[in-house]
Structure formats: C-alpha cells, structure tokens
Amino acid sequence: MAGCCDPRGCDRMFDDRFARRMATRYRKRGLDKTARRMVALLTGNGVRDATVLEIGGGVGEIGLELLHQGAATVTNLELSPNYQQEAAALAAEAGVTGRTVHRLVDISADPAAVEPADIVVLHRVVCCYPDYATLLGVAADHARRQLILSFPPRNFASRAFVATQNTLLRLSDRQFRTFAHPPGAMLAVLADHGMRPAEAHRGPLWQIAAASR
C-alpha cells in the first residue's frame, strides 16, 4: 500500500509551496495548539541538554521551541526534501543552525541510519504511515527517555474523514494516504518496546500520548 512511507507520495503531497506556507504560519502564529501542548509536556519532564529526534518534523518548528527551552541538539527526519530550505532558514533566524540537523531518512525502513536520542517526537506523523507498528517500534527503540506523539482519534468522524480524503487523493492520482490507527494498539507497541505509555490529551481532532523509560 502506498503511503507517506513512499517518498514519491511525500514529495508531491508536501511540496515547496506547502513548506513555505508552514514556515510562514510559524513565523506569524508560532506553534499550533497541539504542538504547544506537546512541547509543554516534554519541558515539564525536563529537556535541558537533551538530544531530540523528530520524525517527520517538517520545517522544524517543534525542534526550535525545544532548543529555546534548553535542549542541546535536534535531528529532524523527513521523507520530502522540500522542507529543507525553509527549515534551514528558520534555524538561521533562530540562531541555532549549528544545533539542528535535517536528514532525508525513512527510519522505519533503515533504523540503523539514525542514532538514538533522549527525546523522540512524532507530531501528526503516525497517521501518514500504513505500518504504524513498525514505525512506533523503531521510534521507541530510539528513545532513551521520552517519546511523544499526536494522532487523530479513531471514531466514526475521523474514519469517515480519512476515507473521504483518501478517495479524493486516489481520484487526483496521488500516492499519499492517511490513516486513523487504533490508539490502544499504538500504545501497546510502545509498551512492548519497554516504554510506559499514557494518554496525555484527548482533543476532538488530535490526541496526544506520551511515553517514558
């Protein structure tokens, strides 16, 4: 099944115009509400001098906020190269160019290509992967201390939205697909990989789960 795991689907879905729009929105408004909650949860547990690995970090706005809160370095993994220019510009504007790394890596396909980090972040990423178990298992294995993720609730409304969105994507001949995976099963994967997961926030559009060692 094609999905965001297929770089061709990501390149077309998340093009340079999308990246510019995300960077512009961050400059004007800062983090979205869900991302702000995620940063607050992480900083509440301590991020000073921590290394951060963000999977699917886009233009890198969460990483920038964690650096402002005292994190040491951020590695941002992406499948689409179209984010790189905007991510580099935002890092330069924030004065943290030497503390950020942007890499094109599918960690679920090549786990050994990425070093573990103290904190692993997945914001609106797992809903882009058909094989959530592999992705979350690898993410958990790379988290020394904390892992946090956001995802859509699996209810009638979200499943109907995903089905409609995927139909439109298919009709427009796009390979990208979205998914509403079962939250309980996702948390179970983290537990199977030695983490203590818990639901951290339940919103109508996005939920947050956090896990620790």
C-alpha atoms as a PDB file:
ATOM      1  CA  MET A   1       0.000   0.000   0.000  1.00  0.00           C
ATOM      2  CA  ALA A   2       1.386   3.374  -0.926  1.00  0.00           C
ATOM      3  CA  GLY A   3       1.614   5.971   1.777  1.00  0.00           C
ATOM      4  CA  CYS A   4       3.925   8.532   3.257  1.00  0.00           C
ATOM      5  CA  CYS A   5       6.468   5.726   3.521  1.00  0.00           C
ATOM      6  CA  ASP A   6       6.758   6.095  -0.259  1.00  0.00           C
ATOM      7  CA  PRO A   7       8.969   9.176  -0.839  1.00  0.00           C
ATOM      8  CA  ARG A   8       7.254   9.813  -4.168  1.00  0.00           C
ATOM      9  CA  GLY A   9       3.958  10.320  -2.384  1.00  0.00           C
ATOM     10  CA  CYS A  10       5.500  12.667   0.162  1.00  0.00           C
ATOM     11  CA  ASP A  11       7.372  14.737  -2.425  1.00  0.00           C
ATOM     12  CA  ARG A  12       4.157  15.530  -4.248  1.00  0.00           C
ATOM     13  CA  MET A  13       1.946  15.992  -1.195  1.00  0.00           C
ATOM     14  CA  PHE A  14       4.402  18.112   0.786  1.00  0.00           C
ATOM     15  CA  ASP A  15       5.882  20.289  -1.931  1.00  0.00           C
ATOM     16  CA  ASP A  16       7.893  23.502  -1.595  1.00  0.00           C
ATOM     17  CA  ARG A  17       4.751  25.646  -1.535  1.00  0.00           C
ATOM     18  CA  PHE A  18       3.413  23.653   1.396  1.00  0.00           C
ATOM     19  CA  ALA A  19       6.753  24.048   3.203  1.00  0.00           C
ATOM     20  CA  ARG A  20       6.740  27.818   2.649  1.00  0.00           C
ATOM     21  CA  ARG A  21       3.195  28.014   3.964  1.00  0.00           C
ATOM     22  CA  MET A  22       4.123  26.092   7.128  1.00  0.00           C
ATOM     23  CA  ALA A  23       7.170  28.280   7.739  1.00  0.00           C
ATOM     24  CA  THR A  24       5.176  31.473   7.204  1.00  0.00           C
ATOM     25  CA  ARG A  25       2.461  30.320   9.574  1.00  0.00           C
ATOM     26  CA  TYR A  26       5.028  29.525  12.265  1.00  0.00           C
ATOM     27  CA  ARG A  27       6.641  32.953  11.898  1.00  0.00           C
ATOM     28  CA  LYS A  28       3.255  34.651  12.278  1.00  0.00           C
ATOM     29  CA  ARG A  29       1.486  32.427  14.825  1.00  0.00           C
ATOM     30  CA  GLY A  30       4.032  30.140  16.444  1.00  0.00           C
ATOM     31  CA  LEU A  31       3.182  26.509  17.132  1.00  0.00           C
ATOM     32  CA  ASP A  32      -0.283  25.090  16.584  1.00  0.00           C
ATOM     33  CA  LYS A  33      -2.262  24.231  19.707  1.00  0.00           C
ATOM     34  CA  THR A  34      -1.417  20.522  19.679  1.00  0.00           C
ATOM     35  CA  ALA A  35       2.294  21.164  19.176  1.00  0.00           C
ATOM     36  CA  ARG A  36       2.269  23.663  22.061  1.00  0.00           C
ATOM     37  CA  ARG A  37       0.794  21.018  24.328  1.00  0.00           C
ATOM     38  CA  MET A  38       3.432  18.531  23.250  1.00  0.00           C
ATOM     39  CA  VAL A  39       6.266  20.960  23.965  1.00  0.00           C
ATOM     40  CA  ALA A  40       4.761  21.806  27.357  1.00  0.00           C
ATOM     41  CA  LEU A  41       4.521  18.120  28.287  1.00  0.00           C
ATOM     42  CA  LEU A  42       8.125  17.493  27.287  1.00  0.00           C
ATOM     43  CA  THR A  43       9.513  20.536  29.057  1.00  0.00           C
ATOM     44  CA  GLY A  44       7.548  19.620  32.161  1.00  0.00           C
ATOM     45  CA  ASN A  45       9.529  16.384  32.299  1.00  0.00           C
ATOM     46  CA  GLY A  46      12.814  18.123  31.512  1.00  0.00           C
ATOM     47  CA  VAL A  47      14.523  18.836  28.200  1.00  0.00           C
ATOM     48  CA  ARG A  48      17.663  20.690  29.302  1.00  0.00           C
ATOM     49  CA  ASP A  49      20.751  19.388  27.490  1.00  0.00           C
ATOM     50  CA  ALA A  50      18.648  16.644  25.861  1.00  0.00           C
ATOM     51  CA  THR A  51      19.138  15.383  22.340  1.00  0.00           C
ATOM     52  CA  VAL A  52      15.932  15.403  20.290  1.00  0.00           C
ATOM     53  CA  LEU A  53      14.947  13.240  17.340  1.00  0.00           C
ATOM     54  CA  GLU A  54      11.879  14.464  15.483  1.00  0.00           C
ATOM     55  CA  ILE A  55      10.442  12.041  12.953  1.00  0.00           C
ATOM     56  CA  GLY A  56       8.579  13.881  10.207  1.00  0.00           C
ATOM     57  CA  GLY A  57       9.452  17.276  11.646  1.00  0.00           C
ATOM     58  CA  GLY A  58       8.643  19.324   8.538  1.00  0.00           C
ATOM     59  CA  VAL A  59      10.159  22.804   8.817  1.00  0.00           C
ATOM     60  CA  GLY A  60      11.341  22.014  12.333  1.00  0.00           C
ATOM     61  CA  GLU A  61       9.222  24.313  14.467  1.00  0.00           C
ATOM     62  CA  ILE A  62       8.833  21.924  17.439  1.00  0.00           C
ATOM     63  CA  GLY A  63      12.562  21.338  17.484  1.00  0.00           C
ATOM     64  CA  LEU A  64      13.218  25.082  17.527  1.00  0.00           C
ATOM     65  CA  GLU A  65      10.933  25.524  20.528  1.00  0.00           C
ATOM     66  CA  LEU A  66      12.649  22.677  22.388  1.00  0.00           C
ATOM     67  CA  LEU A  67      16.037  24.260  21.688  1.00  0.00           C
ATOM     68  CA  HIS A  68      14.712  27.520  23.158  1.00  0.00           C
ATOM     69  CA  GLN A  69      13.722  25.524  26.238  1.00  0.00           C
ATOM     70  CA  GLY A  70      17.237  24.174  26.699  1.00  0.00           C
ATOM     71  CA  ALA A  71      17.542  21.086  24.509  1.00  0.00           C
ATOM     72  CA  ALA A  72      21.062  20.521  23.185  1.00  0.00           C
ATOM     73  CA  THR A  73      20.500  19.393  19.594  1.00  0.00           C
ATOM     74  CA  VAL A  74      17.674  18.402  17.257  1.00  0.00           C
ATOM     75  CA  THR A  75      17.769  15.927  14.381  1.00  0.00           C
ATOM     76  CA  ASN A  76      14.791  16.307  12.061  1.00  0.00           C
ATOM     77  CA  LEU A  77      13.998  13.342   9.802  1.00  0.00           C
ATOM     78  CA  GLU A  78      11.904  13.812   6.678  1.00  0.00           C
ATOM     79  CA  LEU A  79      10.959  11.937   3.532  1.00  0.00           C
ATOM     80  CA  SER A  80      10.258  15.033   1.457  1.00  0.00           C
ATOM     81  CA  PRO A  81      13.277  17.193   0.509  1.00  0.00           C
ATOM     82  CA  ASN A  82      11.007  20.189   0.039  1.00  0.00           C
ATOM     83  CA  TYR A  83      11.197  21.186   3.710  1.00  0.00           C
ATOM     84  CA  GLN A  84      14.972  21.593   3.834  1.00  0.00           C
ATOM     85  CA  GLN A  85      15.300  25.167   2.598  1.00  0.00           C
ATOM     86  CA  GLU A  86      12.595  26.528   4.898  1.00  0.00           C
ATOM     87  CA  ALA A  87      13.869  24.502   7.873  1.00  0.00           C
ATOM     88  CA  ALA A  88      17.371  25.884   7.352  1.00  0.00           C
ATOM     89  CA  ALA A  89      16.034  29.446   7.106  1.00  0.00           C
ATOM     90  CA  LEU A  90      14.046  29.143  10.344  1.00  0.00           C
ATOM     91  CA  ALA A  91      17.033  27.670  12.165  1.00  0.00           C
ATOM     92  CA  ALA A  92      19.238  30.514  10.941  1.00  0.00           C
ATOM     93  CA  GLU A  93      16.687  33.109  12.038  1.00  0.00           C
ATOM     94  CA  ALA A  94      16.591  31.485  15.484  1.00  0.00           C
ATOM     95  CA  GLY A  95      20.383  31.414  15.703  1.00  0.00           C
ATOM     96  CA  VAL A  96      20.556  27.639  16.170  1.00  0.00           C
ATOM     97  CA  THR A  97      21.930  26.466  12.830  1.00  0.00           C
ATOM     98  CA  GLY A  98      24.778  24.570  14.476  1.00  0.00           C
ATOM     99  CA  ARG A  99      22.388  22.683  16.747  1.00  0.00           C
ATOM    100  CA  THR A 100      19.982  21.357  14.115  1.00  0.00           C
ATOM    101  CA  VAL A 101      20.370  18.629  11.527  1.00  0.00           C
ATOM    102  CA  HIS A 102      17.835  17.914   8.766  1.00  0.00           C
ATOM    103  CA  ARG A 103      18.095  14.460   7.163  1.00  0.00           C
ATOM    104  CA  LEU A 104      16.185  12.568   4.476  1.00  0.00           C
ATOM    105  CA  VAL A 105      15.718   9.181   6.143  1.00  0.00           C
ATOM    106  CA  ASP A 106      12.837   6.726   6.476  1.00  0.00           C
ATOM    107  CA  ILE A 107      13.667   5.473   9.955  1.00  0.00           C
ATOM    108  CA  SER A 108      11.152   2.640   9.764  1.00  0.00           C
ATOM    109  CA  ALA A 109      12.971   1.233   6.722  1.00  0.00           C
ATOM    110  CA  ASP A 110      16.530   1.984   7.900  1.00  0.00           C
ATOM    111  CA  PRO A 111      16.661   2.190  11.712  1.00  0.00           C
ATOM    112  CA  ALA A 112      20.433   1.815  11.859  1.00  0.00           C
ATOM    113  CA  ALA A 113      20.911   5.035   9.900  1.00  0.00           C
ATOM    114  CA  VAL A 114      19.801   7.119  12.893  1.00  0.00           C
ATOM    115  CA  GLU A 115      21.340   7.392  16.358  1.00  0.00           C
ATOM    116  CA  PRO A 116      19.090   7.163  19.446  1.00  0.00           C
ATOM    117  CA  ALA A 117      18.143  10.390  21.230  1.00  0.00           C
ATOM    118  CA  ASP A 118      16.920  11.351  24.666  1.00  0.00           C
ATOM    119  CA  ILE A 119      13.576  12.502  23.270  1.00  0.00           C
ATOM    120  CA  VAL A 120      11.648  11.326  20.199  1.00  0.00           C
ATOM    121  CA  VAL A 121       8.798  13.408  18.743  1.00  0.00           C
ATOM    122  CA  LEU A 122       6.164  12.377  16.181  1.00  0.00           C
ATOM    123  CA  HIS A 123       3.665  15.170  15.522  1.00  0.00           C
ATOM    124  CA  ARG A 124       0.942  14.215  13.022  1.00  0.00           C
ATOM    125  CA  VAL A 125       3.186  11.527  11.568  1.00  0.00           C
ATOM    126  CA  VAL A 126       1.804   8.136  12.514  1.00  0.00           C
ATOM    127  CA  CYS A 127      -1.408   8.934  10.619  1.00  0.00           C
ATOM    128  CA  CYS A 128       0.690   9.066   7.443  1.00  0.00           C
ATOM    129  CA  TYR A 129       2.123   5.546   7.843  1.00  0.00           C
ATOM    130  CA  PRO A 130       0.236   2.378   6.952  1.00  0.00           C
ATOM    131  CA  ASP A 131       2.526   0.227   9.149  1.00  0.00           C
ATOM    132  CA  TYR A 132       2.257   2.064  12.454  1.00  0.00           C
ATOM    133  CA  ALA A 133       3.613  -0.887  14.440  1.00  0.00           C
ATOM    134  CA  THR A 134       6.979  -0.832  12.677  1.00  0.00           C
ATOM    135  CA  LEU A 135       7.252   2.949  12.849  1.00  0.00           C
ATOM    136  CA  LEU A 136       6.403   3.178  16.544  1.00  0.00           C
ATOM    137  CA  GLY A 137       8.549   0.198  17.446  1.00  0.00           C
ATOM    138  CA  VAL A 138      11.572   1.779  15.800  1.00  0.00           C
ATOM    139  CA  ALA A 139      10.755   5.180  17.318  1.00  0.00           C
ATOM    140  CA  ALA A 140      10.522   3.652  20.794  1.00  0.00           C
ATOM    141  CA  ASP A 141      13.830   1.854  20.337  1.00  0.00           C
ATOM    142  CA  HIS A 142      15.436   5.225  19.549  1.00  0.00           C
ATOM    143  CA  ALA A 143      14.031   6.989  22.637  1.00  0.00           C
ATOM    144  CA  ARG A 144      16.315   6.915  25.669  1.00  0.00           C
ATOM    145  CA  ARG A 145      13.987   8.888  27.962  1.00  0.00           C
ATOM    146  CA  GLN A 146      10.797  10.280  26.433  1.00  0.00           C
ATOM    147  CA  LEU A 147       8.594   9.806  23.381  1.00  0.00           C
ATOM    148  CA  ILE A 148       5.577  11.873  22.426  1.00  0.00           C
ATOM    149  CA  LEU A 149       3.177  11.560  19.510  1.00  0.00           C
ATOM    150  CA  SER A 150      -0.025  13.098  18.216  1.00  0.00           C
ATOM    151  CA  PHE A 151      -2.644  11.297  16.164  1.00  0.00           C
ATOM    152  CA  PRO A 152      -6.319  11.576  15.164  1.00  0.00           C
ATOM    153  CA  PRO A 153      -8.922   9.796  17.297  1.00  0.00           C
ATOM    154  CA  ARG A 154     -10.281   6.613  15.823  1.00  0.00           C
ATOM    155  CA  ASN A 155     -14.002   7.310  15.805  1.00  0.00           C
ATOM    156  CA  PHE A 156     -16.748   7.489  13.227  1.00  0.00           C
ATOM    157  CA  ALA A 157     -15.986  11.092  12.280  1.00  0.00           C
ATOM    158  CA  SER A 158     -12.235  10.587  11.833  1.00  0.00           C
ATOM    159  CA  ARG A 159     -12.670   7.354   9.906  1.00  0.00           C
ATOM    160  CA  ALA A 160     -15.206   8.994   7.598  1.00  0.00           C
ATOM    161  CA  PHE A 161     -12.871  11.950   7.068  1.00  0.00           C
ATOM    162  CA  VAL A 162      -9.915   9.659   6.291  1.00  0.00           C
ATOM    163  CA  ALA A 163     -11.993   7.611   3.858  1.00  0.00           C
ATOM    164  CA  THR A 164     -13.178  10.755   2.049  1.00  0.00           C
ATOM    165  CA  GLN A 165      -9.690  12.242   1.958  1.00  0.00           C
ATOM    166  CA  ASN A 166      -8.180   9.051   0.583  1.00  0.00           C
ATOM    167  CA  THR A 167     -10.865   8.840  -2.088  1.00  0.00           C
ATOM    168  CA  LEU A 168     -10.029  12.380  -3.217  1.00  0.00           C
ATOM    169  CA  LEU A 169      -6.310  11.590  -3.186  1.00  0.00           C
ATOM    170  CA  ARG A 170      -6.893   8.484  -5.260  1.00  0.00           C
ATOM    171  CA  LEU A 171      -9.043  10.389  -7.765  1.00  0.00           C
ATOM    172  CA  SER A 172      -6.299  13.011  -8.114  1.00  0.00           C
ATOM    173  CA  ASP A 173      -3.787  10.224  -8.779  1.00  0.00           C
ATOM    174  CA  ARG A 174      -1.783  10.870  -5.631  1.00  0.00           C
ATOM    175  CA  GLN A 175       0.018   8.055  -3.841  1.00  0.00           C
ATOM    176  CA  PHE A 176      -0.191   9.637  -0.391  1.00  0.00           C
ATOM    177  CA  ARG A 177      -2.747   8.142   2.039  1.00  0.00           C
ATOM    178  CA  THR A 178      -3.833   8.947   5.601  1.00  0.00           C
ATOM    179  CA  PHE A 179      -4.838   6.592   8.405  1.00  0.00           C
ATOM    180  CA  ALA A 180      -6.694   6.606  11.721  1.00  0.00           C
ATOM    181  CA  HIS A 181      -4.950   3.832  13.618  1.00  0.00           C
ATOM    182  CA  PRO A 182      -6.348   2.390  16.891  1.00  0.00           C
ATOM    183  CA  PRO A 183      -4.841   4.367  19.803  1.00  0.00           C
ATOM    184  CA  GLY A 184      -4.809   1.394  22.171  1.00  0.00           C
ATOM    185  CA  ALA A 185      -2.846  -0.700  19.706  1.00  0.00           C
ATOM    186  CA  MET A 186      -0.334   2.101  19.188  1.00  0.00           C
ATOM    187  CA  LEU A 187       0.262   2.458  22.925  1.00  0.00           C
ATOM    188  CA  ALA A 188       0.662  -1.303  23.167  1.00  0.00           C
ATOM    189  CA  VAL A 189       3.507  -1.162  20.646  1.00  0.00           C
ATOM    190  CA  LEU A 190       5.327   1.361  22.813  1.00  0.00           C
ATOM    191  CA  ALA A 191       4.811  -0.822  25.870  1.00  0.00           C
ATOM    192  CA  ASP A 192       6.139  -3.849  24.000  1.00  0.00           C
ATOM    193  CA  HIS A 193       9.317  -1.861  23.379  1.00  0.00           C
ATOM    194  CA  GLY A 194       9.964  -1.113  27.024  1.00  0.00           C
ATOM    195  CA  MET A 195       8.205   2.218  27.443  1.00  0.00           C
ATOM    196  CA  ARG A 196       5.460   3.328  29.826  1.00  0.00           C
ATOM    197  CA  PRO A 197       2.844   4.963  27.594  1.00  0.00           C
ATOM    198  CA  ALA A 198      -0.122   7.031  28.726  1.00  0.00           C
ATOM    199  CA  GLU A 199      -2.771   9.157  27.099  1.00  0.00           C
ATOM    200  CA  ALA A 200      -1.806  12.784  27.693  1.00  0.00           C
ATOM    201  CA  HIS A 201      -4.542  14.754  25.920  1.00  0.00           C
ATOM    202  CA  ARG A 202      -7.760  13.883  24.133  1.00  0.00           C
ATOM    203  CA  GLY A 203      -8.984  16.523  21.708  1.00  0.00           C
ATOM    204  CA  PRO A 204     -11.724  16.368  19.081  1.00  0.00           C
ATOM    205  CA  LEU A 205      -9.239  16.427  16.191  1.00  0.00           C
ATOM    206  CA  TRP A 206      -5.896  15.385  17.688  1.00  0.00           C
ATOM    207  CA  GLN A 207      -4.906  13.275  20.649  1.00  0.00           C
ATOM    208  CA  ILE A 208      -1.529  13.165  22.372  1.00  0.00           C
ATOM    209  CA  ALA A 209       0.196  10.224  24.017  1.00  0.00           C
ATOM    210  CA  ALA A 210       3.451  10.345  25.958  1.00  0.00           C
ATOM    211  CA  ALA A 211       5.773   7.533  26.985  1.00  0.00           C
ATOM    212  CA  SER A 212       8.857   7.318  29.184  1.00  0.00           C
ATOM    213  CA  ARG A 213      11.507   4.809  30.207  1.00  0.00           C
END
